Structure formats: C-alpha cells, structure tokens
Amino acid sequence: MGLLEAIILGIIQGLSEFLPVSSSGHLEIGAVLLNAHTSESLLFSVLVHAATALSTIIVFRKDIANIFKGIFTFKWNESYDFAAKIALSMIPIAIIGVFFEEQVESFFTGNLLLVGCMLLVTAILLAFTQTVKDKQGGPVKYWQAIIIGLAQSIAILPGISRSGATIATALLIGVNKEKAARFSFLMVLIPILGASFLKVLDYIEAPAAANQTGGFVLFMGFLMAFIAGLFACKAMIKIVKEGKLIYFAIYCAIIGSIAIISQLI
C-alpha cells in the first residue's frame, strides 16, 4: 500500500465510520478501485480503527469522564445505569466476534455485489427514519439497548452502516434523536478497542506477514482517519438532531446501485 492509498483509505475510514454510509463497504469499494489490499496490513487496519476510536473519545470526553466518575462512586446511579445498557448492547457483537470470526472475515473479499445490496438495505433503514417526529422519543431503555446491539451485530456485513443501523434502529423504536446518536457512538468504543487488541496480537505473532507498509504511510493513514473522524463525529450529531438522514439514504442507494451494476457488468 502506497502513501496516496493510505491517505485516501484513512479519510474514507474516518468519515464513513461515523456518517451512515458504511465504513466497511466504502473501504471494500476503495480497496477495489485503488487495488490496495488492506488485508496485507493488519497494522494499518488496527491504526485506522484506533484513530476513529480516539476521535470518539475526544468528542465525548466529558460524557466518558462523567460516566467513570459516577461508576467510581460505587453506588447505583445514572452512570452505572448507562454503562449497564452499553454492556448489554455489546453482547450480540461479542458473541459473533468470538464464535463467528472466520465466517465474518469471509465476507470481506471485494464482493461489490454484496456491498451494493447491503448499502441498499442501509438506505432503506435511513429512509424509514423520516417517519420519526422531531420531539419523539426518550432515553435508551434496557430492551432497546439489546435491539440496538442486535442492529450493530448485523452491521458487520460490508455495506451495512454501523452508525446508520444503530441510530436508525434506536429512532424507530422510540429513542430520542440526540440520545440515539450519543448511545450509538459510545457503544462502539469497547468493540473497536477489543477488535484492535486482537489484531495487535495477530500482528505480534506474524509481524512480517501482517505488515508490508512503511511507518510514515501508516502514520498518515492514522492521522487522516483521526482528523476525518473528528469532523464526521461532530457533524453526525448535528445531522441526527436535524433529521437529515434522508440525504444519506439517497447517497447509499446511489452508491449501492452503482456497485451492483459495476459487478454485474
């Protein structure tokens, strides 16, 4: 992977991790168009995902600090309640990550037909959010946390947007718009960090085979993903509040259709 490919893929990862357009789907499309096989660099994959996790931590630093502060009071409070819901939402993705890792990895083979079809699914989900009224919804309940977690587990498919699936699902089952965005972004932190840790272990076991990319190229990929992630995370919060997800539904429908047509041709 060259410098230009790393910069482009880093920006794609940073933007599409938070915007409801599927980071995995866009990375698959980008890798095919650029002929850049990111699977050859486990370390690159770890770094760009860590970059988006870091941007999430920075944007929600006050929320995260308040959660930890509340937890360390060792009394059941709002912070414990929120942390419990986050933990509950992670159960589905944890089960898939532990027991079905090889099956999941088999989807990431540059199959643009699959990516295109899943982008259309994302478009449909986002379009349905237009039925949600501006002042509708409340805080996340425990049963809603489980359903949002199931939506996140489905988003492992390339083309299904994680943020799109979780936020759209939250809105459709009655969660407030701002709280839906906050929960969606915070719930992904531990899975991203956990997956990154496992990839680091893989890299340690086979560093030569896992990484064929230079240090500066890796750094630029990380930096671009981080900067793009900061921008996209803040922008997405505003977009959800203003109910403008329909524009991303249209975008996903167009890109998905192009991916399907190009694969069929």
Protein backbone atom coordinates (compact mmCIF):
# COMPACT_ATOMS: atom_id res chain seq x y z
CA MET A 1 0.00 0.00 0.00
CA GLY A 2 1.37 3.39 -1.01
CA LEU A 3 1.11 6.79 0.67
CA LEU A 4 -1.76 8.06 -1.50
CA GLU A 5 -3.80 4.88 -0.96
CA ALA A 6 -3.22 5.06 2.81
CA ILE A 7 -4.34 8.72 2.94
CA ILE A 8 -7.46 8.06 0.86
CA LEU A 9 -8.42 4.93 2.80
CA GLY A 10 -7.73 6.72 6.10
CA ILE A 11 -10.07 9.55 5.13
CA ILE A 12 -12.69 7.04 3.95
CA GLN A 13 -12.47 5.17 7.26
CA GLY A 14 -12.68 8.35 9.35
CA LEU A 15 -15.67 9.77 7.50
CA SER A 16 -17.62 6.58 6.95
CA GLU A 17 -17.17 5.23 10.49
CA PHE A 18 -19.50 7.95 11.77
CA LEU A 19 -21.50 9.05 8.75
CA PRO A 20 -24.22 6.47 7.98
CA VAL A 21 -22.68 5.20 4.76
CA SER A 22 -20.81 2.05 5.94
CA SER A 23 -17.07 2.29 6.56
CA SER A 24 -16.54 -1.40 5.73
CA GLY A 25 -18.46 -1.07 2.47
CA HIS A 26 -16.57 2.04 1.40
CA LEU A 27 -13.22 0.50 2.35
CA GLU A 28 -14.10 -2.53 0.21
CA ILE A 29 -15.05 -0.29 -2.70
CA GLY A 30 -11.96 1.90 -2.16
CA ALA A 31 -9.66 -1.10 -1.98
CA VAL A 32 -11.07 -2.46 -5.26
CA LEU A 33 -10.82 0.89 -7.06
CA LEU A 34 -7.32 1.61 -5.74
CA ASN A 35 -6.19 -2.00 -5.98
CA ALA A 36 -4.97 -1.64 -2.40
CA HIS A 37 -5.26 -4.84 -0.41
CA THR A 38 -5.62 -3.65 3.18
CA SER A 39 -5.75 -7.27 4.35
CA GLU A 40 -2.00 -7.33 3.74
CA SER A 41 -1.57 -4.83 6.56
CA LEU A 42 -3.17 -5.83 9.83
CA LEU A 43 -1.39 -2.93 11.47
CA PHE A 44 -2.98 -0.42 9.08
CA SER A 45 -6.42 -1.80 9.90
CA VAL A 46 -5.68 -1.55 13.63
CA LEU A 47 -4.40 2.02 13.35
CA VAL A 48 -7.28 3.49 11.34
CA HIS A 49 -9.85 1.90 13.66
CA ALA A 50 -7.90 3.11 16.70
CA ALA A 51 -7.88 6.60 15.14
CA THR A 52 -11.68 6.66 14.89
CA ALA A 53 -11.94 5.36 18.47
CA LEU A 54 -9.65 8.17 19.62
CA SER A 55 -11.75 10.78 17.81
CA THR A 56 -14.85 9.40 19.56
CA ILE A 57 -13.14 9.65 22.94
CA ILE A 58 -12.19 13.28 22.29
CA VAL A 59 -15.66 14.32 21.10
CA PHE A 60 -17.39 12.59 24.02
CA ARG A 61 -14.63 13.18 26.60
CA LYS A 62 -16.98 14.92 29.05
CA ASP A 63 -19.59 12.17 28.81
CA ILE A 64 -16.93 9.48 29.29
CA ALA A 65 -15.39 11.34 32.25
CA ASN A 66 -18.82 11.69 33.89
CA ILE A 67 -19.55 8.00 33.37
CA PHE A 68 -16.28 6.94 35.04
CA LYS A 69 -16.77 9.49 37.80
CA GLY A 70 -20.23 8.10 38.51
CA ILE A 71 -19.06 4.49 38.38
CA PHE A 72 -16.32 5.08 40.92
CA THR A 73 -18.83 6.32 43.48
CA PHE A 74 -19.72 2.61 43.78
CA LYS A 75 -23.41 3.45 44.04
CA TRP A 76 -26.15 2.69 41.54
CA ASN A 77 -26.67 5.92 39.65
CA GLU A 78 -27.23 7.24 36.15
CA SER A 79 -23.66 6.41 35.12
CA TYR A 80 -23.96 2.78 36.28
CA ASP A 81 -27.31 2.54 34.51
CA PHE A 82 -25.87 3.88 31.23
CA ALA A 83 -22.78 1.64 31.47
CA ALA A 84 -25.02 -1.40 32.08
CA LYS A 85 -27.01 -0.60 28.93
CA ILE A 86 -23.80 -0.20 26.91
CA ALA A 87 -22.57 -3.58 28.23
CA LEU A 88 -25.90 -5.18 27.35
CA SER A 89 -25.78 -3.78 23.81
CA MET A 90 -22.33 -5.33 23.23
CA ILE A 91 -23.41 -8.94 23.92
CA PRO A 92 -24.58 -9.73 20.33
CA ILE A 93 -21.44 -8.36 18.65
CA ALA A 94 -19.23 -10.10 21.25
CA ILE A 95 -20.87 -13.47 20.51
CA ILE A 96 -20.37 -13.01 16.76
CA GLY A 97 -16.78 -11.81 17.23
CA VAL A 98 -15.84 -14.81 19.39
CA PHE A 99 -17.68 -17.64 17.62
CA PHE A 100 -18.04 -16.50 14.01
CA GLU A 101 -14.85 -14.54 13.27
CA GLU A 102 -13.82 -16.65 10.26
CA GLN A 103 -17.30 -16.52 8.74
CA VAL A 104 -17.35 -12.74 9.11
CA GLU A 105 -13.92 -12.34 7.50
CA SER A 106 -15.12 -14.37 4.51
CA PHE A 107 -17.47 -11.51 3.58
CA PHE A 108 -14.55 -9.13 3.04
CA THR A 109 -13.33 -10.33 -0.33
CA GLY A 110 -14.08 -7.33 -2.54
CA ASN A 111 -17.54 -8.64 -3.45
CA LEU A 112 -19.16 -5.44 -4.71
CA LEU A 113 -22.48 -7.19 -5.33
CA LEU A 114 -22.82 -7.95 -1.61
CA VAL A 115 -21.63 -4.45 -0.67
CA GLY A 116 -24.11 -2.85 -3.07
CA CYS A 117 -27.05 -4.89 -1.79
CA MET A 118 -26.20 -4.09 1.83
CA LEU A 119 -25.87 -0.37 1.00
CA LEU A 120 -29.43 -0.54 -0.33
CA VAL A 121 -30.51 -2.08 2.99
CA THR A 122 -28.80 0.82 4.79
CA ALA A 123 -30.63 3.27 2.50
CA ILE A 124 -34.00 1.70 3.37
CA LEU A 125 -33.26 1.85 7.11
CA LEU A 126 -32.26 5.51 6.92
CA ALA A 127 -35.30 6.37 4.80
CA PHE A 128 -37.63 4.93 7.45
CA THR A 129 -36.29 7.43 10.00
CA GLN A 130 -38.23 10.13 8.15
CA THR A 131 -41.34 8.77 9.88
CA VAL A 132 -39.92 9.78 13.28
CA LYS A 133 -41.25 13.08 14.59
CA ASP A 134 -38.85 15.79 15.80
CA LYS A 135 -39.71 15.62 19.51
CA GLN A 136 -40.41 11.90 19.62
CA GLY A 137 -38.55 9.50 21.91
CA GLY A 138 -36.90 9.26 25.30
CA PRO A 139 -33.73 7.81 26.86
CA VAL A 140 -32.49 4.32 25.96
CA LYS A 141 -34.22 1.55 27.90
CA TYR A 142 -32.71 -1.88 28.58
CA TRP A 143 -34.80 -3.71 25.99
CA GLN A 144 -33.92 -1.02 23.46
CA ALA A 145 -30.21 -1.45 24.24
CA ILE A 146 -30.46 -5.13 23.28
CA ILE A 147 -32.22 -4.35 19.98
CA ILE A 148 -29.68 -1.62 19.14
CA GLY A 149 -26.95 -4.16 19.94
CA LEU A 150 -28.52 -6.62 17.50
CA ALA A 151 -28.53 -3.88 14.86
CA GLN A 152 -24.82 -3.34 15.49
CA SER A 153 -24.12 -7.06 15.06
CA ILE A 154 -25.87 -7.07 11.67
CA ALA A 155 -23.68 -4.12 10.65
CA ILE A 156 -20.63 -6.40 10.49
CA LEU A 157 -21.70 -7.05 6.89
CA PRO A 158 -19.83 -4.78 4.46
CA GLY A 159 -22.32 -2.20 3.24
CA ILE A 160 -24.47 -2.09 6.37
CA SER A 161 -23.58 1.15 8.15
CA ARG A 162 -22.96 0.62 11.88
CA SER A 163 -23.89 4.16 12.83
CA GLY A 164 -26.75 4.16 10.34
CA ALA A 165 -28.14 0.82 11.55
CA THR A 166 -27.84 1.60 15.26
CA ILE A 167 -29.11 5.19 15.10
CA ALA A 168 -31.96 4.35 12.71
CA THR A 169 -32.99 1.38 14.86
CA ALA A 170 -32.85 3.50 18.01
CA LEU A 171 -35.03 6.19 16.45
CA LEU A 172 -37.55 3.69 15.11
CA ILE A 173 -38.02 2.00 18.50
CA GLY A 174 -38.56 5.29 20.31
CA VAL A 175 -35.21 6.72 21.42
CA ASN A 176 -34.64 10.49 21.42
CA LYS A 177 -32.51 11.69 18.47
CA GLU A 178 -29.65 13.19 20.49
CA LYS A 179 -29.57 10.24 22.90
CA ALA A 180 -29.64 7.80 19.99
CA ALA A 181 -26.51 9.39 18.45
CA ARG A 182 -24.72 9.52 21.81
CA PHE A 183 -25.50 5.88 22.62
CA SER A 184 -24.54 4.72 19.12
CA PHE A 185 -21.11 6.34 19.21
CA LEU A 186 -20.26 5.35 22.79
CA MET A 187 -21.41 1.73 22.42
CA VAL A 188 -18.86 1.05 19.69
CA LEU A 189 -15.78 2.12 21.68
CA ILE A 190 -15.16 -1.14 23.51
CA PRO A 191 -15.81 -3.40 20.47
CA ILE A 192 -13.41 -1.31 18.36
CA LEU A 193 -10.74 -1.32 21.04
CA GLY A 194 -11.28 -5.04 21.67
CA ALA A 195 -11.02 -5.91 17.98
CA SER A 196 -7.92 -3.72 17.67
CA PHE A 197 -6.32 -5.54 20.61
CA LEU A 198 -6.95 -8.93 18.98
CA LYS A 199 -5.44 -7.68 15.70
CA VAL A 200 -2.39 -6.43 17.60
CA LEU A 201 -1.96 -9.95 18.98
CA ASP A 202 -2.14 -11.31 15.41
CA TYR A 203 0.43 -8.74 14.34
CA ILE A 204 2.78 -9.72 17.18
CA GLU A 205 2.54 -13.37 16.14
CA ALA A 206 3.36 -12.65 12.50
CA PRO A 207 4.61 -9.06 12.08
CA ALA A 208 6.41 -9.60 8.80
CA ALA A 209 3.47 -11.25 7.07
CA ALA A 210 0.89 -8.95 8.62
CA ASN A 211 2.52 -5.67 7.68
CA GLN A 212 4.07 -4.72 4.38
CA THR A 213 3.51 -0.98 4.79
CA GLY A 214 6.06 1.63 5.87
CA GLY A 215 5.88 3.57 9.13
CA PHE A 216 5.22 7.00 7.58
CA VAL A 217 2.47 5.58 5.39
CA LEU A 218 0.84 4.01 8.45
CA PHE A 219 1.11 7.28 10.39
CA MET A 220 -0.54 9.27 7.58
CA GLY A 221 -3.36 6.72 7.39
CA PHE A 222 -3.88 7.06 11.15
CA LEU A 223 -3.74 10.88 11.05
CA MET A 224 -6.19 11.18 8.16
CA ALA A 225 -8.62 8.75 9.81
CA PHE A 226 -8.38 10.70 13.08
CA ILE A 227 -8.97 14.14 11.53
CA ALA A 228 -11.79 12.88 9.31
CA GLY A 229 -13.29 11.05 12.29
CA LEU A 230 -13.36 14.20 14.43
CA PHE A 231 -15.17 16.09 11.69
CA ALA A 232 -17.63 13.29 10.91
CA CYS A 233 -18.48 12.53 14.53
CA LYS A 234 -19.39 16.16 15.30
CA ALA A 235 -21.23 16.53 12.01
CA MET A 236 -23.24 13.37 12.54
CA ILE A 237 -24.58 14.52 15.92
CA LYS A 238 -25.92 17.67 14.24
CA ILE A 239 -27.30 15.71 11.28
CA VAL A 240 -29.27 13.34 13.53
CA LYS A 241 -30.69 16.23 15.58
CA GLU A 242 -31.84 17.98 12.41
CA GLY A 243 -33.33 14.79 10.94
CA LYS A 244 -31.34 14.90 7.71
CA LEU A 245 -30.59 11.18 7.40
CA ILE A 246 -32.67 11.00 4.21
CA TYR A 247 -29.80 12.57 2.25
CA PHE A 248 -27.55 9.67 3.26
CA ALA A 249 -30.32 7.23 2.32
CA ILE A 250 -30.25 8.69 -1.19
CA TYR A 251 -26.43 8.57 -1.27
CA CYS A 252 -26.31 4.93 -0.12
CA ALA A 253 -28.97 3.99 -2.68
CA ILE A 254 -26.95 5.59 -5.49
CA ILE A 255 -23.59 4.11 -4.46
CA GLY A 256 -25.16 0.73 -3.78
CA SER A 257 -26.81 0.69 -7.21
CA ILE A 258 -23.54 1.66 -8.91
CA ALA A 259 -21.68 -1.10 -7.04
CA ILE A 260 -24.26 -3.70 -8.07
CA ILE A 261 -24.31 -2.60 -11.71
CA SER A 262 -20.50 -2.49 -11.94
CA GLN A 263 -20.25 -6.01 -10.51
CA LEU A 264 -22.90 -7.38 -12.86
CA ILE A 265 -21.31 -5.73 -15.88
